[in-house]
């Protein structure tokens, strides 16, 4: 699987994908394999975080969603 600098879900090396948003206090964790089954191995991780949160502020430039991955994984 070749990527352009960002992780894709099929490459994620951890058993869980954990997310949080400081702004709305949202926390969540998801099993990586279940996410692959639901969204496909080619789903890029930056897009996945917004799919998981379904935040209404995603496209609001003056007050954007601040969802991030809890675990920092280096290549």
N, C-alpha and C. Protein backbone atom coordinates (compact mmCIF):
# COMPACT_ATOMS: atom_id res chain seq x y z
N UNK A 1 0.85 -1.17 0.00
CA UNK A 1 0.00 0.00 0.00
C UNK A 1 0.90 1.24 0.00
N UNK A 2 0.79 2.07 -1.01
CA UNK A 2 1.62 3.27 -1.13
C UNK A 2 0.79 4.48 -0.71
N UNK A 3 1.36 5.31 0.15
CA UNK A 3 0.66 6.50 0.60
C UNK A 3 1.46 7.73 0.24
N UNK A 4 0.83 8.88 0.38
CA UNK A 4 1.48 10.15 0.05
C UNK A 4 1.83 10.95 1.31
N UNK A 5 2.40 10.33 2.28
CA UNK A 5 2.82 11.05 3.48
C UNK A 5 1.89 10.91 4.66
N UNK A 6 0.67 10.50 4.45
CA UNK A 6 -0.24 10.30 5.58
C UNK A 6 -0.50 8.81 5.75
N UNK A 7 -0.84 8.45 6.95
CA UNK A 7 -1.20 7.07 7.23
C UNK A 7 -2.53 6.75 6.57
N UNK A 8 -2.69 5.51 6.16
CA UNK A 8 -4.01 5.00 5.79
C UNK A 8 -4.37 3.94 6.83
N UNK A 9 -5.64 3.69 6.96
CA UNK A 9 -6.13 2.82 8.03
C UNK A 9 -5.50 1.44 7.99
N UNK A 10 -5.28 0.88 6.82
CA UNK A 10 -4.69 -0.44 6.70
C UNK A 10 -3.25 -0.52 7.18
N UNK A 11 -2.58 0.62 7.29
CA UNK A 11 -1.20 0.67 7.77
C UNK A 11 -1.10 0.95 9.27
N UNK A 12 -2.19 1.33 9.89
CA UNK A 12 -2.15 1.74 11.31
C UNK A 12 -1.62 0.59 12.16
N UNK A 13 -0.50 0.80 12.89
CA UNK A 13 0.16 -0.30 13.58
C UNK A 13 -0.40 -0.65 14.96
N UNK A 14 -1.32 0.12 15.46
CA UNK A 14 -1.85 -0.12 16.81
C UNK A 14 -3.20 -0.82 16.75
N UNK A 15 -3.55 -1.58 17.79
CA UNK A 15 -4.84 -2.30 17.79
C UNK A 15 -6.04 -1.38 17.96
N UNK A 16 -5.81 -0.17 18.48
CA UNK A 16 -6.90 0.79 18.68
C UNK A 16 -6.55 2.11 18.00
N UNK A 17 -7.58 2.80 17.53
CA UNK A 17 -7.46 4.17 17.05
C UNK A 17 -8.17 5.02 18.11
N UNK A 18 -7.41 5.92 18.75
CA UNK A 18 -7.98 6.75 19.81
C UNK A 18 -8.00 8.20 19.37
N UNK A 19 -9.13 8.89 19.61
CA UNK A 19 -9.28 10.28 19.22
C UNK A 19 -9.77 11.11 20.40
N UNK A 20 -9.53 12.43 20.30
CA UNK A 20 -10.06 13.35 21.31
C UNK A 20 -10.22 14.73 20.69
N UNK A 21 -11.10 15.52 21.28
CA UNK A 21 -11.26 16.91 20.90
C UNK A 21 -11.27 17.73 22.18
N UNK A 22 -10.27 18.58 22.34
CA UNK A 22 -10.18 19.43 23.53
C UNK A 22 -11.35 20.41 23.61
N UNK A 23 -11.80 20.85 22.46
CA UNK A 23 -12.86 21.87 22.43
C UNK A 23 -14.19 21.34 22.96
N UNK A 24 -14.58 20.16 22.52
CA UNK A 24 -15.89 19.64 22.93
C UNK A 24 -15.79 18.50 23.95
N UNK A 25 -14.57 18.18 24.37
CA UNK A 25 -14.33 17.14 25.36
C UNK A 25 -14.71 15.75 24.86
N UNK A 26 -14.71 15.56 23.55
CA UNK A 26 -15.03 14.26 22.94
C UNK A 26 -13.84 13.33 23.05
N UNK A 27 -14.07 12.11 23.50
CA UNK A 27 -13.06 11.06 23.56
C UNK A 27 -13.64 9.81 22.93
N UNK A 28 -12.79 9.03 22.28
CA UNK A 28 -13.27 7.78 21.72
C UNK A 28 -12.13 6.85 21.38
N UNK A 29 -12.42 5.58 21.34
CA UNK A 29 -11.44 4.59 20.89
C UNK A 29 -12.17 3.52 20.10
N UNK A 30 -11.52 3.07 19.04
CA UNK A 30 -12.13 2.14 18.10
C UNK A 30 -11.13 1.06 17.75
N UNK A 31 -11.60 -0.16 17.58
CA UNK A 31 -10.73 -1.27 17.18
C UNK A 31 -10.34 -1.07 15.72
N UNK A 32 -9.05 -1.12 15.46
CA UNK A 32 -8.53 -0.87 14.12
C UNK A 32 -9.12 -1.82 13.09
N UNK A 33 -9.16 -3.11 13.39
CA UNK A 33 -9.67 -4.07 12.42
C UNK A 33 -11.14 -3.84 12.10
N UNK A 34 -11.91 -3.48 13.10
CA UNK A 34 -13.32 -3.19 12.85
C UNK A 34 -13.48 -1.97 11.95
N UNK A 35 -12.62 -0.97 12.15
CA UNK A 35 -12.65 0.21 11.28
C UNK A 35 -12.26 -0.15 9.85
N UNK A 36 -11.26 -1.01 9.69
CA UNK A 36 -10.86 -1.47 8.35
C UNK A 36 -12.03 -2.17 7.69
N UNK A 37 -12.73 -3.02 8.42
CA UNK A 37 -13.88 -3.73 7.88
C UNK A 37 -14.99 -2.77 7.45
N UNK A 38 -15.19 -1.70 8.21
CA UNK A 38 -16.28 -0.76 7.94
C UNK A 38 -15.93 0.26 6.86
N UNK A 39 -14.68 0.76 6.87
CA UNK A 39 -14.32 1.90 6.02
C UNK A 39 -13.29 1.57 4.93
N UNK A 40 -12.70 0.39 5.01
CA UNK A 40 -11.71 -0.01 4.02
C UNK A 40 -10.30 0.36 4.43
N UNK A 41 -9.35 -0.44 3.97
CA UNK A 41 -7.95 -0.25 4.34
C UNK A 41 -7.35 1.01 3.72
N UNK A 42 -7.97 1.54 2.66
CA UNK A 42 -7.43 2.72 1.99
C UNK A 42 -7.93 4.05 2.55
N UNK A 43 -8.77 4.01 3.57
CA UNK A 43 -9.26 5.26 4.18
C UNK A 43 -8.09 5.99 4.80
N UNK A 44 -7.89 7.27 4.43
CA UNK A 44 -6.76 7.99 5.03
C UNK A 44 -7.14 8.48 6.42
N UNK A 45 -6.17 8.50 7.29
CA UNK A 45 -6.40 8.78 8.70
C UNK A 45 -6.92 10.19 8.96
N UNK A 46 -6.43 11.24 8.27
CA UNK A 46 -7.00 12.56 8.51
C UNK A 46 -8.51 12.61 8.23
N UNK A 47 -8.96 11.93 7.19
CA UNK A 47 -10.38 11.90 6.89
C UNK A 47 -11.14 11.05 7.91
N UNK A 48 -10.54 9.95 8.35
CA UNK A 48 -11.19 9.05 9.30
C UNK A 48 -11.55 9.75 10.59
N UNK A 49 -10.69 10.61 11.09
CA UNK A 49 -11.00 11.27 12.37
C UNK A 49 -12.29 12.08 12.28
N UNK A 50 -12.54 12.71 11.15
CA UNK A 50 -13.77 13.48 10.99
C UNK A 50 -14.98 12.57 10.77
N UNK A 51 -14.77 11.45 10.11
CA UNK A 51 -15.87 10.49 9.93
C UNK A 51 -16.30 9.94 11.28
N UNK A 52 -15.34 9.65 12.15
CA UNK A 52 -15.67 9.09 13.46
C UNK A 52 -16.38 10.09 14.35
N UNK A 53 -15.96 11.33 14.32
CA UNK A 53 -16.52 12.33 15.23
C UNK A 53 -17.84 12.88 14.72
N UNK A 54 -17.97 13.01 13.39
CA UNK A 54 -19.17 13.60 12.78
C UNK A 54 -19.47 14.97 13.37
N UNK A 55 -18.45 15.77 13.49
CA UNK A 55 -18.57 17.09 14.11
C UNK A 55 -19.20 18.10 13.14
N UNK A 56 -20.14 18.85 13.63
CA UNK A 56 -20.80 19.86 12.80
C UNK A 56 -19.86 21.05 12.51
N UNK A 57 -18.77 21.15 13.25
CA UNK A 57 -17.82 22.26 13.07
C UNK A 57 -16.71 21.92 12.08
N UNK A 58 -16.80 20.78 11.44
CA UNK A 58 -15.75 20.33 10.54
C UNK A 58 -15.41 21.36 9.46
N UNK A 59 -16.40 21.99 8.89
CA UNK A 59 -16.16 22.95 7.80
C UNK A 59 -16.28 24.40 8.25
N UNK A 60 -16.35 24.64 9.54
CA UNK A 60 -16.46 26.00 10.06
C UNK A 60 -15.06 26.57 10.28
N UNK A 61 -14.66 27.51 9.47
CA UNK A 61 -13.30 28.04 9.54
C UNK A 61 -13.06 28.96 10.75
N UNK A 62 -14.10 29.64 11.24
CA UNK A 62 -13.89 30.55 12.37
C UNK A 62 -13.98 29.85 13.72
N UNK A 63 -14.44 28.61 13.77
CA UNK A 63 -14.52 27.84 15.01
C UNK A 63 -14.42 26.36 14.68
N UNK A 64 -13.27 25.91 14.12
CA UNK A 64 -13.18 24.55 13.59
C UNK A 64 -13.11 23.46 14.65
N UNK A 65 -13.48 22.28 14.22
CA UNK A 65 -13.32 21.08 15.03
C UNK A 65 -11.82 20.87 15.29
N UNK A 66 -11.47 20.40 16.46
CA UNK A 66 -10.06 20.21 16.81
C UNK A 66 -9.76 18.75 17.17
N UNK A 67 -10.44 17.83 16.51
CA UNK A 67 -10.23 16.42 16.80
C UNK A 67 -8.82 16.00 16.36
N UNK A 68 -8.15 15.24 17.22
CA UNK A 68 -6.80 14.74 16.94
C UNK A 68 -6.71 13.29 17.38
N UNK A 69 -5.69 12.62 16.88
CA UNK A 69 -5.40 11.27 17.35
C UNK A 69 -4.61 11.36 18.64
N UNK A 70 -4.97 10.56 19.62
CA UNK A 70 -4.29 10.56 20.92
C UNK A 70 -2.88 9.99 20.78
N UNK A 71 -2.75 8.91 20.02
CA UNK A 71 -1.45 8.24 19.88
C UNK A 71 -0.70 8.81 18.69
N UNK A 72 0.52 9.29 18.93
CA UNK A 72 1.38 9.80 17.86
C UNK A 72 2.27 8.63 17.41
N UNK A 73 2.14 8.28 16.15
CA UNK A 73 2.90 7.16 15.60
C UNK A 73 3.79 7.70 14.49
N UNK A 74 5.08 7.49 14.63
CA UNK A 74 6.04 7.94 13.61
C UNK A 74 6.31 6.79 12.65
N UNK A 75 6.57 7.13 11.43
CA UNK A 75 6.93 6.12 10.41
C UNK A 75 8.37 5.71 10.58
